[in-house]
């Protein structure tokens, strides 16, 4: 009876370890869409699986989202990867951060509405 109990506890511990390791790997590519310009957040950051999103949305070109404008015109083959939106869409101390919020919403939510796919309600992107 003791040997059987020991085997059961060993299996439970082993399964627990496997579950812990697997759940750690499944969170590996989870990032959060955030911007350092937001000193005080109105809502939590948006969890974002970059590769999964691009695959489902069939996006091949980085500059579809990471665009660059010069003199008010889109630079077709340039990309702003690695930059925060606030590096170009600046807000200054005392400015209303809503303008930067609107930039994000126009880019993300606007695309979702245009393609009739993806979340558009606040809580669908900003989990509590």
C-alpha atoms as a PDB file:
ATOM      1  CA  UNK A   1       0.000   0.000   0.000  1.00  0.00           C
ATOM      2  CA  UNK A   2       2.837   2.451   0.826  1.00  0.00           C
ATOM      3  CA  UNK A   3       4.599   1.765  -2.470  1.00  0.00           C
ATOM      4  CA  UNK A   4       1.401   2.472  -4.400  1.00  0.00           C
ATOM      5  CA  UNK A   5       0.853   5.762  -2.515  1.00  0.00           C
ATOM      6  CA  UNK A   6       4.463   6.791  -3.214  1.00  0.00           C
ATOM      7  CA  UNK A   7       3.999   6.090  -6.925  1.00  0.00           C
ATOM      8  CA  UNK A   8       0.768   8.121  -7.029  1.00  0.00           C
ATOM      9  CA  UNK A   9       2.386  11.109  -5.257  1.00  0.00           C
ATOM     10  CA  UNK A  10       5.406  10.887  -7.563  1.00  0.00           C
ATOM     11  CA  UNK A  11       3.135  10.927 -10.630  1.00  0.00           C
ATOM     12  CA  UNK A  12       1.172  13.900  -9.272  1.00  0.00           C
ATOM     13  CA  UNK A  13       4.383  15.840  -8.650  1.00  0.00           C
ATOM     14  CA  UNK A  14       5.743  14.893 -12.065  1.00  0.00           C
ATOM     15  CA  UNK A  15       2.534  15.983 -13.818  1.00  0.00           C
ATOM     16  CA  UNK A  16       2.562  19.235 -11.834  1.00  0.00           C
ATOM     17  CA  UNK A  17       6.134  19.932 -12.948  1.00  0.00           C
ATOM     18  CA  UNK A  18       5.290  19.165 -16.582  1.00  0.00           C
ATOM     19  CA  UNK A  19       2.259  21.463 -16.405  1.00  0.00           C
ATOM     20  CA  UNK A  20       4.334  24.272 -14.849  1.00  0.00           C
ATOM     21  CA  UNK A  21       7.036  23.996 -17.511  1.00  0.00           C
ATOM     22  CA  UNK A  22       4.522  23.837 -20.390  1.00  0.00           C
ATOM     23  CA  UNK A  23       2.535  26.821 -19.137  1.00  0.00           C
ATOM     24  CA  UNK A  24       5.773  28.785 -18.852  1.00  0.00           C
ATOM     25  CA  UNK A  25       6.620  28.087 -22.489  1.00  0.00           C
ATOM     26  CA  UNK A  26       3.112  28.957 -23.643  1.00  0.00           C
ATOM     27  CA  UNK A  27       3.530  32.441 -22.131  1.00  0.00           C
ATOM     28  CA  UNK A  28       6.949  32.922 -23.735  1.00  0.00           C
ATOM     29  CA  UNK A  29       5.831  35.039 -26.683  1.00  0.00           C
ATOM     30  CA  UNK A  30       3.132  37.003 -24.864  1.00  0.00           C
ATOM     31  CA  UNK A  31       3.985  40.663 -24.928  1.00  0.00           C
ATOM     32  CA  UNK A  32       1.986  43.663 -23.935  1.00  0.00           C
ATOM     33  CA  UNK A  33       1.348  46.629 -26.178  1.00  0.00           C
ATOM     34  CA  UNK A  34       2.423  49.535 -24.021  1.00  0.00           C
ATOM     35  CA  UNK A  35       3.978  52.950 -24.477  1.00  0.00           C
ATOM     36  CA  UNK A  36       6.219  54.751 -22.006  1.00  0.00           C
ATOM     37  CA  UNK A  37       4.381  58.013 -22.775  1.00  0.00           C
ATOM     38  CA  UNK A  38       1.487  56.802 -20.651  1.00  0.00           C
ATOM     39  CA  UNK A  39       2.599  57.691 -17.143  1.00  0.00           C
ATOM     40  CA  UNK A  40      -0.781  56.881 -15.649  1.00  0.00           C
ATOM     41  CA  UNK A  41      -2.721  54.138 -17.383  1.00  0.00           C
ATOM     42  CA  UNK A  42      -6.458  54.363 -17.816  1.00  0.00           C
ATOM     43  CA  UNK A  43      -6.707  50.650 -18.642  1.00  0.00           C
ATOM     44  CA  UNK A  44      -4.326  47.666 -18.510  1.00  0.00           C
ATOM     45  CA  UNK A  45      -1.936  47.162 -21.424  1.00  0.00           C
ATOM     46  CA  UNK A  46      -3.058  44.990 -24.317  1.00  0.00           C
ATOM     47  CA  UNK A  47      -1.702  41.405 -24.346  1.00  0.00           C
ATOM     48  CA  UNK A  48      -0.525  40.787 -27.891  1.00  0.00           C
ATOM     49  CA  UNK A  49       0.755  37.620 -29.581  1.00  0.00           C
ATOM     50  CA  UNK A  50       2.588  39.346 -32.434  1.00  0.00           C
ATOM     51  CA  UNK A  51       3.331  36.342 -34.667  1.00  0.00           C
ATOM     52  CA  UNK A  52      -0.061  34.715 -34.102  1.00  0.00           C
ATOM     53  CA  UNK A  53      -1.824  38.005 -34.867  1.00  0.00           C
ATOM     54  CA  UNK A  54       0.105  38.518 -38.100  1.00  0.00           C
ATOM     55  CA  UNK A  55      -0.482  34.938 -39.192  1.00  0.00           C
ATOM     56  CA  UNK A  56      -4.236  35.118 -38.562  1.00  0.00           C
ATOM     57  CA  UNK A  57      -4.475  38.560 -40.177  1.00  0.00           C
ATOM     58  CA  UNK A  58      -2.310  37.373 -43.072  1.00  0.00           C
ATOM     59  CA  UNK A  59       0.072  40.310 -42.601  1.00  0.00           C
ATOM     60  CA  UNK A  60       3.409  39.860 -44.329  1.00  0.00           C
ATOM     61  CA  UNK A  61       4.728  43.412 -44.352  1.00  0.00           C
ATOM     62  CA  UNK A  62       5.838  44.968 -41.059  1.00  0.00           C
ATOM     63  CA  UNK A  63       5.089  48.483 -42.283  1.00  0.00           C
ATOM     64  CA  UNK A  64       1.389  47.636 -42.450  1.00  0.00           C
ATOM     65  CA  UNK A  65       1.336  48.433 -38.726  1.00  0.00           C
ATOM     66  CA  UNK A  66       4.795  49.947 -38.212  1.00  0.00           C
ATOM     67  CA  UNK A  67       4.347  52.782 -40.701  1.00  0.00           C
ATOM     68  CA  UNK A  68       6.566  55.790 -41.399  1.00  0.00           C
ATOM     69  CA  UNK A  69       5.399  59.174 -42.662  1.00  0.00           C
ATOM     70  CA  UNK A  70       7.560  61.998 -43.992  1.00  0.00           C
ATOM     71  CA  UNK A  71       6.047  65.397 -44.763  1.00  0.00           C
ATOM     72  CA  UNK A  72       2.597  63.903 -44.198  1.00  0.00           C
ATOM     73  CA  UNK A  73       3.082  61.179 -46.796  1.00  0.00           C
ATOM     74  CA  UNK A  74       3.440  57.444 -46.187  1.00  0.00           C
ATOM     75  CA  UNK A  75       6.927  56.136 -46.949  1.00  0.00           C
ATOM     76  CA  UNK A  76       5.871  52.914 -48.645  1.00  0.00           C
ATOM     77  CA  UNK A  77       8.814  50.599 -47.893  1.00  0.00           C
ATOM     78  CA  UNK A  78      10.041  52.051 -44.598  1.00  0.00           C
ATOM     79  CA  UNK A  79       9.178  50.571 -41.206  1.00  0.00           C
ATOM     80  CA  UNK A  80       9.156  51.899 -37.648  1.00  0.00           C
ATOM     81  CA  UNK A  81       9.757  48.512 -35.984  1.00  0.00           C
ATOM     82  CA  UNK A  82      11.291  48.806 -32.539  1.00  0.00           C
ATOM     83  CA  UNK A  83       9.878  52.283 -31.925  1.00  0.00           C
ATOM     84  CA  UNK A  84       7.032  53.254 -29.664  1.00  0.00           C
ATOM     85  CA  UNK A  85       4.157  55.099 -31.326  1.00  0.00           C
ATOM     86  CA  UNK A  86       4.869  58.072 -29.047  1.00  0.00           C
ATOM     87  CA  UNK A  87       8.274  58.590 -30.686  1.00  0.00           C
ATOM     88  CA  UNK A  88       6.473  60.090 -33.683  1.00  0.00           C
ATOM     89  CA  UNK A  89       3.043  60.765 -32.215  1.00  0.00           C
ATOM     90  CA  UNK A  90       4.354  62.884 -29.348  1.00  0.00           C
ATOM     91  CA  UNK A  91       2.503  64.127 -26.335  1.00  0.00           C
ATOM     92  CA  UNK A  92       4.033  66.700 -24.025  1.00  0.00           C
ATOM     93  CA  UNK A  93       3.597  67.204 -20.294  1.00  0.00           C
ATOM     94  CA  UNK A  94       0.180  68.719 -19.770  1.00  0.00           C
ATOM     95  CA  UNK A  95      -1.116  67.500 -23.143  1.00  0.00           C
ATOM     96  CA  UNK A  96      -4.124  65.276 -23.111  1.00  0.00           C
ATOM     97  CA  UNK A  97      -2.869  61.682 -23.517  1.00  0.00           C
ATOM     98  CA  UNK A  98      -6.175  60.838 -25.196  1.00  0.00           C
ATOM     99  CA  UNK A  99      -4.659  61.961 -28.497  1.00  0.00           C
ATOM    100  CA  UNK A 100      -2.087  59.153 -28.290  1.00  0.00           C
ATOM    101  CA  UNK A 101      -4.793  56.718 -27.185  1.00  0.00           C
ATOM    102  CA  UNK A 102      -6.732  57.691 -30.302  1.00  0.00           C
ATOM    103  CA  UNK A 103      -3.675  56.959 -32.468  1.00  0.00           C
ATOM    104  CA  UNK A 104      -3.543  53.401 -31.108  1.00  0.00           C
ATOM    105  CA  UNK A 105      -7.268  52.946 -31.522  1.00  0.00           C
ATOM    106  CA  UNK A 106      -7.259  54.275 -35.087  1.00  0.00           C
ATOM    107  CA  UNK A 107      -4.429  51.902 -35.994  1.00  0.00           C
ATOM    108  CA  UNK A 108      -5.642  48.723 -34.258  1.00  0.00           C
ATOM    109  CA  UNK A 109      -9.370  49.082 -33.830  1.00  0.00           C
ATOM    110  CA  UNK A 110      -9.716  50.868 -37.177  1.00  0.00           C
ATOM    111  CA  UNK A 111      -8.105  47.932 -38.977  1.00  0.00           C
ATOM    112  CA  UNK A 112     -10.298  45.456 -37.098  1.00  0.00           C
ATOM    113  CA  UNK A 113     -13.410  47.402 -38.084  1.00  0.00           C
ATOM    114  CA  UNK A 114     -12.287  47.739 -41.704  1.00  0.00           C
ATOM    115  CA  UNK A 115     -11.594  44.002 -42.031  1.00  0.00           C
ATOM    116  CA  UNK A 116     -14.604  43.055 -39.886  1.00  0.00           C
ATOM    117  CA  UNK A 117     -12.313  40.840 -37.793  1.00  0.00           C
ATOM    118  CA  UNK A 118     -10.682  41.168 -34.398  1.00  0.00           C
ATOM    119  CA  UNK A 119     -11.716  42.781 -31.134  1.00  0.00           C
ATOM    120  CA  UNK A 120     -13.207  46.270 -31.060  1.00  0.00           C
ATOM    121  CA  UNK A 121     -14.730  46.576 -27.572  1.00  0.00           C
ATOM    122  CA  UNK A 122     -12.591  47.941 -24.719  1.00  0.00           C
ATOM    123  CA  UNK A 123     -12.609  44.825 -22.553  1.00  0.00           C
ATOM    124  CA  UNK A 124     -11.773  42.585 -25.514  1.00  0.00           C
ATOM    125  CA  UNK A 125      -8.321  44.197 -25.742  1.00  0.00           C
ATOM    126  CA  UNK A 126      -7.812  45.541 -22.208  1.00  0.00           C
ATOM    127  CA  UNK A 127      -8.444  42.673 -19.773  1.00  0.00           C
ATOM    128  CA  UNK A 128      -8.950  43.577 -16.132  1.00  0.00           C
END
